Amino acid sequence: MPSEERLASGKRGEEAGLRSSHRRAFGCVSWFYTAILVLLAAAFLLSVPFRYAGEREVYRVVLSIVDLYGFVLIVPGTFLAAAVGARTQKTDARAAGRAGAAGGAVLGWACFLLVSWVMNAMGLQERRELSSSVVFVGLHAGALLYGFIALSLVSVALLFVAVLPRTGTRTRERALLFAALFAVLPGLASLALAPSLLAVAGLAVSTISCALAGWVMGYGYARAGGREAPSQG
């Protein structure tokens, strides 16, 4: 019968198409690219007022650093988004957005510290080959400086644990909490040792921009799974 033929044809077409896990992975990658665009746009809009307020150095330095790791994150972020998307679980969009914003804020804070540390360690603030060092100013290679970088690296590692799909909810929450703790401590310590408008503005712009991008990614995670995503547990 024609109806049976259509059903059989539809079934063959579904089998020949992308698997549901692949479609979810593709959806998460698409949302990740959208999040990167949000990151770059937010960083620009938040930095522009400094330019017209007479703080062109803040505008130039902060925007260049945020844009730098925004572009650097594209390649590894694509593979991570695909891996996480392939194992999406049914999640409330609001809860996923809040979790993504929290993780993005921690990542933005930690990444700004990491880039500033590299610039300081390479002496770029003296040669001015890329930009001015905005954090860890006046600190030389020593236990304190390397202690800062170690805490920031641990924070980023914990963020990866927090986004693993097969990690329990309680483990994710704890990983995110400790990631925030290990990221905030070196940042506040560096500001206390060498307070500057560049450091405060840079950390603020980076944190807010990445939080907005993280919210988009979290919301996209919930949308990418859709009805095909398996239930948690």
C-alpha atoms as a PDB file:
ATOM      1  CA  MET A   1       0.000   0.000   0.000  1.00  0.00           C
ATOM      2  CA  PRO A   2       1.157   3.566  -0.617  1.00  0.00           C
ATOM      3  CA  SER A   3       1.073   4.431   3.072  1.00  0.00           C
ATOM      4  CA  GLU A   4       3.252   1.441   3.933  1.00  0.00           C
ATOM      5  CA  GLU A   5       5.672   2.383   1.173  1.00  0.00           C
ATOM      6  CA  ARG A   6       5.911   5.943   2.538  1.00  0.00           C
ATOM      7  CA  LEU A   7       6.565   4.650   6.034  1.00  0.00           C
ATOM      8  CA  ALA A   8       9.247   2.296   4.776  1.00  0.00           C
ATOM      9  CA  SER A   9      10.797   5.083   2.700  1.00  0.00           C
ATOM     10  CA  GLY A  10      10.775   7.434   5.706  1.00  0.00           C
ATOM     11  CA  LYS A  11      12.393   4.813   7.890  1.00  0.00           C
ATOM     12  CA  ARG A  12      15.138   4.193   5.340  1.00  0.00           C
ATOM     13  CA  GLY A  13      15.720   7.955   5.048  1.00  0.00           C
ATOM     14  CA  GLU A  14      16.008   8.287   8.823  1.00  0.00           C
ATOM     15  CA  GLU A  15      18.469   5.408   8.988  1.00  0.00           C
ATOM     16  CA  ALA A  16      20.514   6.960   6.180  1.00  0.00           C
ATOM     17  CA  GLY A  17      20.613  10.354   7.892  1.00  0.00           C
ATOM     18  CA  LEU A  18      22.658  11.532  10.832  1.00  0.00           C
ATOM     19  CA  ARG A  19      22.370   9.631  14.070  1.00  0.00           C
ATOM     20  CA  SER A  20      20.663  11.484  16.895  1.00  0.00           C
ATOM     21  CA  SER A  21      23.928  11.814  18.850  1.00  0.00           C
ATOM     22  CA  HIS A  22      25.610  13.351  15.803  1.00  0.00           C
ATOM     23  CA  ARG A  23      22.772  15.821  15.360  1.00  0.00           C
ATOM     24  CA  ARG A  24      23.058  16.817  19.016  1.00  0.00           C
ATOM     25  CA  ALA A  25      26.824  17.245  18.639  1.00  0.00           C
ATOM     26  CA  PHE A  26      26.336  19.409  15.557  1.00  0.00           C
ATOM     27  CA  GLY A  27      23.762  21.479  17.431  1.00  0.00           C
ATOM     28  CA  CYS A  28      26.136  22.120  20.332  1.00  0.00           C
ATOM     29  CA  VAL A  29      28.934  23.138  17.960  1.00  0.00           C
ATOM     30  CA  SER A  30      26.589  25.619  16.264  1.00  0.00           C
ATOM     31  CA  TRP A  31      25.652  27.104  19.640  1.00  0.00           C
ATOM     32  CA  PHE A  32      29.344  27.255  20.577  1.00  0.00           C
ATOM     33  CA  TYR A  33      30.094  29.391  17.516  1.00  0.00           C
ATOM     34  CA  THR A  34      27.212  31.644  18.497  1.00  0.00           C
ATOM     35  CA  ALA A  35      28.680  31.912  22.003  1.00  0.00           C
ATOM     36  CA  ILE A  36      32.056  32.958  20.552  1.00  0.00           C
ATOM     37  CA  LEU A  37      30.362  35.720  18.567  1.00  0.00           C
ATOM     38  CA  VAL A  38      28.580  36.868  21.732  1.00  0.00           C
ATOM     39  CA  LEU A  39      31.920  36.884  23.577  1.00  0.00           C
ATOM     40  CA  LEU A  40      33.629  39.060  20.971  1.00  0.00           C
ATOM     41  CA  ALA A  41      30.663  41.418  20.635  1.00  0.00           C
ATOM     42  CA  ALA A  42      30.266  41.824  24.404  1.00  0.00           C
ATOM     43  CA  ALA A  43      33.996  42.456  24.887  1.00  0.00           C
ATOM     44  CA  PHE A  44      33.896  45.164  22.231  1.00  0.00           C
ATOM     45  CA  LEU A  45      30.777  46.882  23.576  1.00  0.00           C
ATOM     46  CA  LEU A  46      32.075  46.822  27.159  1.00  0.00           C
ATOM     47  CA  SER A  47      35.479  48.201  26.121  1.00  0.00           C
ATOM     48  CA  VAL A  48      34.257  51.010  23.866  1.00  0.00           C
ATOM     49  CA  PRO A  49      33.242  53.372  26.743  1.00  0.00           C
ATOM     50  CA  PHE A  50      36.852  53.421  27.977  1.00  0.00           C
ATOM     51  CA  ARG A  51      38.007  54.699  24.596  1.00  0.00           C
ATOM     52  CA  TYR A  52      35.658  57.665  24.632  1.00  0.00           C
ATOM     53  CA  ALA A  53      36.340  58.314  28.319  1.00  0.00           C
ATOM     54  CA  GLY A  54      39.989  59.030  27.544  1.00  0.00           C
ATOM     55  CA  GLU A  55      41.307  55.598  28.571  1.00  0.00           C
ATOM     56  CA  ARG A  56      42.427  54.388  25.150  1.00  0.00           C
ATOM     57  CA  GLU A  57      45.047  52.107  26.712  1.00  0.00           C
ATOM     58  CA  VAL A  58      42.353  50.230  28.595  1.00  0.00           C
ATOM     59  CA  TYR A  59      40.303  49.852  25.419  1.00  0.00           C
ATOM     60  CA  ARG A  60      43.260  48.651  23.357  1.00  0.00           C
ATOM     61  CA  VAL A  61      44.785  46.270  25.888  1.00  0.00           C
ATOM     62  CA  VAL A  62      41.638  44.709  27.298  1.00  0.00           C
ATOM     63  CA  LEU A  63      40.006  44.162  23.917  1.00  0.00           C
ATOM     64  CA  SER A  64      43.163  42.659  22.417  1.00  0.00           C
ATOM     65  CA  ILE A  65      43.555  40.158  25.270  1.00  0.00           C
ATOM     66  CA  VAL A  66      39.914  39.041  25.304  1.00  0.00           C
ATOM     67  CA  ASP A  67      39.863  38.732  21.513  1.00  0.00           C
ATOM     68  CA  LEU A  68      43.098  36.755  21.649  1.00  0.00           C
ATOM     69  CA  TYR A  69      41.851  33.902  23.787  1.00  0.00           C
ATOM     70  CA  GLY A  70      38.421  34.137  22.186  1.00  0.00           C
ATOM     71  CA  PHE A  71      40.002  33.110  18.887  1.00  0.00           C
ATOM     72  CA  VAL A  72      42.353  30.618  20.537  1.00  0.00           C
ATOM     73  CA  LEU A  73      39.406  28.795  22.135  1.00  0.00           C
ATOM     74  CA  ILE A  74      37.650  28.175  18.808  1.00  0.00           C
ATOM     75  CA  VAL A  75      39.475  24.988  17.775  1.00  0.00           C
ATOM     76  CA  PRO A  76      39.594  23.101  21.121  1.00  0.00           C
ATOM     77  CA  GLY A  77      36.146  24.435  21.984  1.00  0.00           C
ATOM     78  CA  THR A  78      34.688  22.972  18.801  1.00  0.00           C
ATOM     79  CA  PHE A  79      35.866  19.460  19.662  1.00  0.00           C
ATOM     80  CA  LEU A  80      34.768  19.825  23.286  1.00  0.00           C
ATOM     81  CA  ALA A  81      31.325  21.083  22.253  1.00  0.00           C
ATOM     82  CA  ALA A  82      30.942  18.137  19.875  1.00  0.00           C
ATOM     83  CA  ALA A  83      31.981  15.628  22.549  1.00  0.00           C
ATOM     84  CA  VAL A  84      29.655  17.141  25.147  1.00  0.00           C
ATOM     85  CA  GLY A  85      26.814  17.549  22.656  1.00  0.00           C
ATOM     86  CA  ALA A  86      26.931  13.908  21.627  1.00  0.00           C
ATOM     87  CA  ARG A  87      26.065  13.003  25.217  1.00  0.00           C
ATOM     88  CA  THR A  88      23.543  15.722  25.992  1.00  0.00           C
ATOM     89  CA  GLN A  89      20.922  14.958  28.597  1.00  0.00           C
ATOM     90  CA  LYS A  90      17.493  16.470  29.082  1.00  0.00           C
ATOM     91  CA  THR A  91      18.105  19.681  30.973  1.00  0.00           C
ATOM     92  CA  ASP A  92      16.025  22.684  31.938  1.00  0.00           C
ATOM     93  CA  ALA A  93      17.070  25.566  29.705  1.00  0.00           C
ATOM     94  CA  ARG A  94      17.092  28.109  32.541  1.00  0.00           C
ATOM     95  CA  ALA A  95      19.198  25.929  34.812  1.00  0.00           C
ATOM     96  CA  ALA A  96      21.587  25.136  31.958  1.00  0.00           C
ATOM     97  CA  GLY A  97      21.888  28.832  31.135  1.00  0.00           C
ATOM     98  CA  ARG A  98      22.711  29.740  34.734  1.00  0.00           C
ATOM     99  CA  ALA A  99      25.288  26.963  34.975  1.00  0.00           C
ATOM    100  CA  GLY A 100      26.816  28.040  31.679  1.00  0.00           C
ATOM    101  CA  ALA A 101      27.006  31.665  32.826  1.00  0.00           C
ATOM    102  CA  ALA A 102      28.736  30.648  36.063  1.00  0.00           C
ATOM    103  CA  GLY A 103      31.238  28.461  34.227  1.00  0.00           C
ATOM    104  CA  GLY A 104      31.827  31.159  31.613  1.00  0.00           C
ATOM    105  CA  ALA A 105      32.500  33.783  34.271  1.00  0.00           C
ATOM    106  CA  VAL A 106      35.095  31.559  35.948  1.00  0.00           C
ATOM    107  CA  LEU A 107      36.701  30.765  32.587  1.00  0.00           C
ATOM    108  CA  GLY A 108      36.840  34.442  31.616  1.00  0.00           C
ATOM    109  CA  TRP A 109      38.462  35.423  34.909  1.00  0.00           C
ATOM    110  CA  ALA A 110      40.982  32.550  34.764  1.00  0.00           C
ATOM    111  CA  CYS A 111      41.839  33.055  31.083  1.00  0.00           C
ATOM    112  CA  PHE A 112      42.549  36.744  31.604  1.00  0.00           C
ATOM    113  CA  LEU A 113      44.928  35.839  34.421  1.00  0.00           C
ATOM    114  CA  LEU A 114      46.640  33.168  32.316  1.00  0.00           C
ATOM    115  CA  VAL A 115      47.211  35.488  29.348  1.00  0.00           C
ATOM    116  CA  SER A 116      48.461  38.251  31.646  1.00  0.00           C
ATOM    117  CA  TRP A 117      50.828  35.788  33.331  1.00  0.00           C
ATOM    118  CA  VAL A 118      52.293  34.717  29.973  1.00  0.00           C
ATOM    119  CA  MET A 119      52.746  38.350  28.953  1.00  0.00           C
ATOM    120  CA  ASN A 120      54.487  39.110  32.236  1.00  0.00           C
ATOM    121  CA  ALA A 121      56.718  36.025  32.066  1.00  0.00           C
ATOM    122  CA  MET A 122      57.801  36.869  28.503  1.00  0.00           C
ATOM    123  CA  GLY A 123      58.495  40.484  29.387  1.00  0.00           C
ATOM    124  CA  LEU A 124      56.027  41.841  26.865  1.00  0.00           C
ATOM    125  CA  GLN A 125      55.183  44.719  29.164  1.00  0.00           C
ATOM    126  CA  GLU A 126      58.778  45.911  28.746  1.00  0.00           C
ATOM    127  CA  ARG A 127      59.218  45.308  25.006  1.00  0.00           C
ATOM    128  CA  ARG A 128      55.594  46.221  24.231  1.00  0.00           C
ATOM    129  CA  GLU A 129      55.549  43.683  21.391  1.00  0.00           C
ATOM    130  CA  LEU A 130      51.943  42.733  22.018  1.00  0.00           C
ATOM    131  CA  SER A 131      50.489  44.802  24.788  1.00  0.00           C
ATOM    132  CA  SER A 132      51.008  45.962  28.319  1.00  0.00           C
ATOM    133  CA  SER A 133      51.006  43.562  31.230  1.00  0.00           C
ATOM    134  CA  VAL A 134      47.900  44.314  33.244  1.00  0.00           C
ATOM    135  CA  VAL A 135      48.135  41.767  36.047  1.00  0.00           C
ATOM    136  CA  PHE A 136      51.121  40.543  38.086  1.00  0.00           C
ATOM    137  CA  VAL A 137      52.840  43.874  37.422  1.00  0.00           C
ATOM    138  CA  GLY A 138      56.199  44.111  39.166  1.00  0.00           C
ATOM    139  CA  LEU A 139      56.324  40.424  40.046  1.00  0.00           C
ATOM    140  CA  HIS A 140      59.295  38.416  38.818  1.00  0.00           C
ATOM    141  CA  ALA A 141      59.556  34.684  38.204  1.00  0.00           C
ATOM    142  CA  GLY A 142      59.324  33.203  41.662  1.00  0.00           C
ATOM    143  CA  ALA A 143      57.254  31.008  43.950  1.00  0.00           C
ATOM    144  CA  LEU A 144      54.473  33.592  44.251  1.00  0.00           C
ATOM    145  CA  LEU A 145      54.116  34.125  40.517  1.00  0.00           C
ATOM    146  CA  TYR A 146      54.157  30.416  39.732  1.00  0.00           C
ATOM    147  CA  GLY A 147      51.742  29.783  42.567  1.00  0.00           C
ATOM    148  CA  PHE A 148      49.280  32.097  40.827  1.00  0.00           C
ATOM    149  CA  ILE A 149      49.581  30.285  37.515  1.00  0.00           C
ATOM    150  CA  ALA A 150      49.217  26.880  39.191  1.00  0.00           C
ATOM    151  CA  LEU A 151      45.935  27.898  40.828  1.00  0.00           C
ATOM    152  CA  SER A 152      44.594  29.262  37.541  1.00  0.00           C
ATOM    153  CA  LEU A 153      45.495  26.064  35.688  1.00  0.00           C
ATOM    154  CA  VAL A 154      43.795  23.968  38.375  1.00  0.00           C
ATOM    155  CA  SER A 155      40.714  26.163  38.010  1.00  0.00           C
ATOM    156  CA  VAL A 156      40.549  25.568  34.244  1.00  0.00           C
ATOM    157  CA  ALA A 157      41.028  21.811  34.759  1.00  0.00           C
ATOM    158  CA  LEU A 158      38.128  21.731  37.224  1.00  0.00           C
ATOM    159  CA  LEU A 159      35.942  23.501  34.677  1.00  0.00           C
ATOM    160  CA  PHE A 160      36.516  20.618  32.260  1.00  0.00           C
ATOM    161  CA  VAL A 161      35.364  18.232  34.977  1.00  0.00           C
ATOM    162  CA  ALA A 162      32.250  20.349  35.502  1.00  0.00           C
ATOM    163  CA  VAL A 163      31.177  20.095  31.845  1.00  0.00           C
ATOM    164  CA  LEU A 164      31.672  16.337  31.447  1.00  0.00           C
ATOM    165  CA  PRO A 165      28.236  14.871  30.642  1.00  0.00           C
ATOM    166  CA  ARG A 166      28.761  11.664  32.616  1.00  0.00           C
ATOM    167  CA  THR A 167      29.805  13.478  35.770  1.00  0.00           C
ATOM    168  CA  GLY A 168      27.236  13.503  38.561  1.00  0.00           C
ATOM    169  CA  THR A 169      25.363  16.705  39.330  1.00  0.00           C
ATOM    170  CA  ARG A 170      26.891  17.039  42.796  1.00  0.00           C
ATOM    171  CA  THR A 171      30.387  16.466  41.395  1.00  0.00           C
ATOM    172  CA  ARG A 172      29.799  19.150  38.770  1.00  0.00           C
ATOM    173  CA  GLU A 173      28.644  21.652  41.368  1.00  0.00           C
ATOM    174  CA  ARG A 174      31.652  20.986  43.577  1.00  0.00           C
ATOM    175  CA  ALA A 175      34.054  21.190  40.635  1.00  0.00           C
ATOM    176  CA  LEU A 176      32.557  24.535  39.586  1.00  0.00           C
ATOM    177  CA  LEU A 177      32.728  25.849  43.150  1.00  0.00           C
ATOM    178  CA  PHE A 178      36.392  24.951  43.578  1.00  0.00           C
ATOM    179  CA  ALA A 179      37.172  26.241  40.079  1.00  0.00           C
ATOM    180  CA  ALA A 180      35.742  29.614  41.074  1.00  0.00           C
ATOM    181  CA  LEU A 181      37.688  29.582  44.331  1.00  0.00           C
ATOM    182  CA  PHE A 182      41.028  28.780  42.679  1.00  0.00           C
ATOM    183  CA  ALA A 183      40.440  31.414  39.999  1.00  0.00           C
ATOM    184  CA  VAL A 184      39.312  34.227  42.294  1.00  0.00           C
ATOM    185  CA  LEU A 185      42.145  33.891  44.812  1.00  0.00           C
ATOM    186  CA  PRO A 186      45.078  34.646  42.463  1.00  0.00           C
ATOM    187  CA  GLY A 187      43.125  37.432  40.801  1.00  0.00           C
ATOM    188  CA  LEU A 188      42.286  39.216  44.043  1.00  0.00           C
ATOM    189  CA  ALA A 189      45.825  38.703  45.325  1.00  0.00           C
ATOM    190  CA  SER A 190      47.309  40.220  42.169  1.00  0.00           C
ATOM    191  CA  LEU A 191      44.968  43.211  42.401  1.00  0.00           C
ATOM    192  CA  ALA A 192      45.958  43.727  46.028  1.00  0.00           C
ATOM    193  CA  LEU A 193      49.661  43.636  45.159  1.00  0.00           C
ATOM    194  CA  ALA A 194      49.435  45.844  42.069  1.00  0.00           C
ATOM    195  CA  PRO A 195      46.092  47.641  41.782  1.00  0.00           C
ATOM    196  CA  SER A 196      45.448  49.318  38.434  1.00  0.00           C
ATOM    197  CA  LEU A 197      42.555  50.397  36.232  1.00  0.00           C
ATOM    198  CA  LEU A 198      43.798  48.062  33.492  1.00  0.00           C
ATOM    199  CA  ALA A 199      43.617  45.024  35.758  1.00  0.00           C
ATOM    200  CA  VAL A 200      40.181  45.834  37.186  1.00  0.00           C
ATOM    201  CA  ALA A 201      38.688  46.736  33.803  1.00  0.00           C
ATOM    202  CA  GLY A 202      40.262  43.717  32.103  1.00  0.00           C
ATOM    203  CA  LEU A 203      39.019  41.211  34.632  1.00  0.00           C
ATOM    204  CA  ALA A 204      35.555  42.807  34.657  1.00  0.00           C
ATOM    205  CA  VAL A 205      35.175  42.894  30.858  1.00  0.00           C
ATOM    206  CA  SER A 206      36.531  39.375  30.465  1.00  0.00           C
ATOM    207  CA  THR A 207      34.353  37.927  33.203  1.00  0.00           C
ATOM    208  CA  ILE A 208      31.126  39.574  32.022  1.00  0.00           C
ATOM    209  CA  SER A 209      31.752  38.771  28.344  1.00  0.00           C
ATOM    210  CA  CYS A 210      32.495  35.115  29.037  1.00  0.00           C
ATOM    211  CA  ALA A 211      29.517  34.876  31.397  1.00  0.00           C
ATOM    212  CA  LEU A 212      27.200  36.033  28.596  1.00  0.00           C
ATOM    213  CA  ALA A 213      28.830  33.597  26.169  1.00  0.00           C
ATOM    214  CA  GLY A 214      28.544  30.830  28.754  1.00  0.00           C
ATOM    215  CA  TRP A 215      24.839  31.521  29.210  1.00  0.00           C
ATOM    216  CA  VAL A 216      24.339  31.172  25.455  1.00  0.00           C
ATOM    217  CA  MET A 217      26.286  27.910  25.433  1.00  0.00           C
ATOM    218  CA  GLY A 218      24.349  26.532  28.403  1.00  0.00           C
ATOM    219  CA  TYR A 219      21.023  27.459  26.838  1.00  0.00           C
ATOM    220  CA  GLY A 220      22.195  25.942  23.559  1.00  0.00           C
ATOM    221  CA  TYR A 221      23.147  22.719  25.323  1.00  0.00           C
ATOM    222  CA  ALA A 222      19.575  22.290  26.513  1.00  0.00           C
ATOM    223  CA  ARG A 223      18.144  23.182  23.105  1.00  0.00           C
ATOM    224  CA  ALA A 224      20.567  20.964  21.166  1.00  0.00           C
ATOM    225  CA  GLY A 225      19.413  17.872  23.043  1.00  0.00           C
ATOM    226  CA  GLY A 226      15.722  18.447  22.416  1.00  0.00           C
ATOM    227  CA  ARG A 227      13.344  15.530  22.641  1.00  0.00           C
ATOM    228  CA  GLU A 228      16.015  13.108  21.503  1.00  0.00           C
ATOM    229  CA  ALA A 229      18.259  13.694  24.514  1.00  0.00           C
ATOM    230  CA  PRO A 230      18.240  10.908  27.100  1.00  0.00           C
ATOM    231  CA  SER A 231      17.018  11.628  30.617  1.00  0.00           C
ATOM    232  CA  GLN A 232      19.550  12.185  33.388  1.00  0.00           C
ATOM    233  CA  GLY A 233      20.529   9.158  35.364  1.00  0.00           C
END
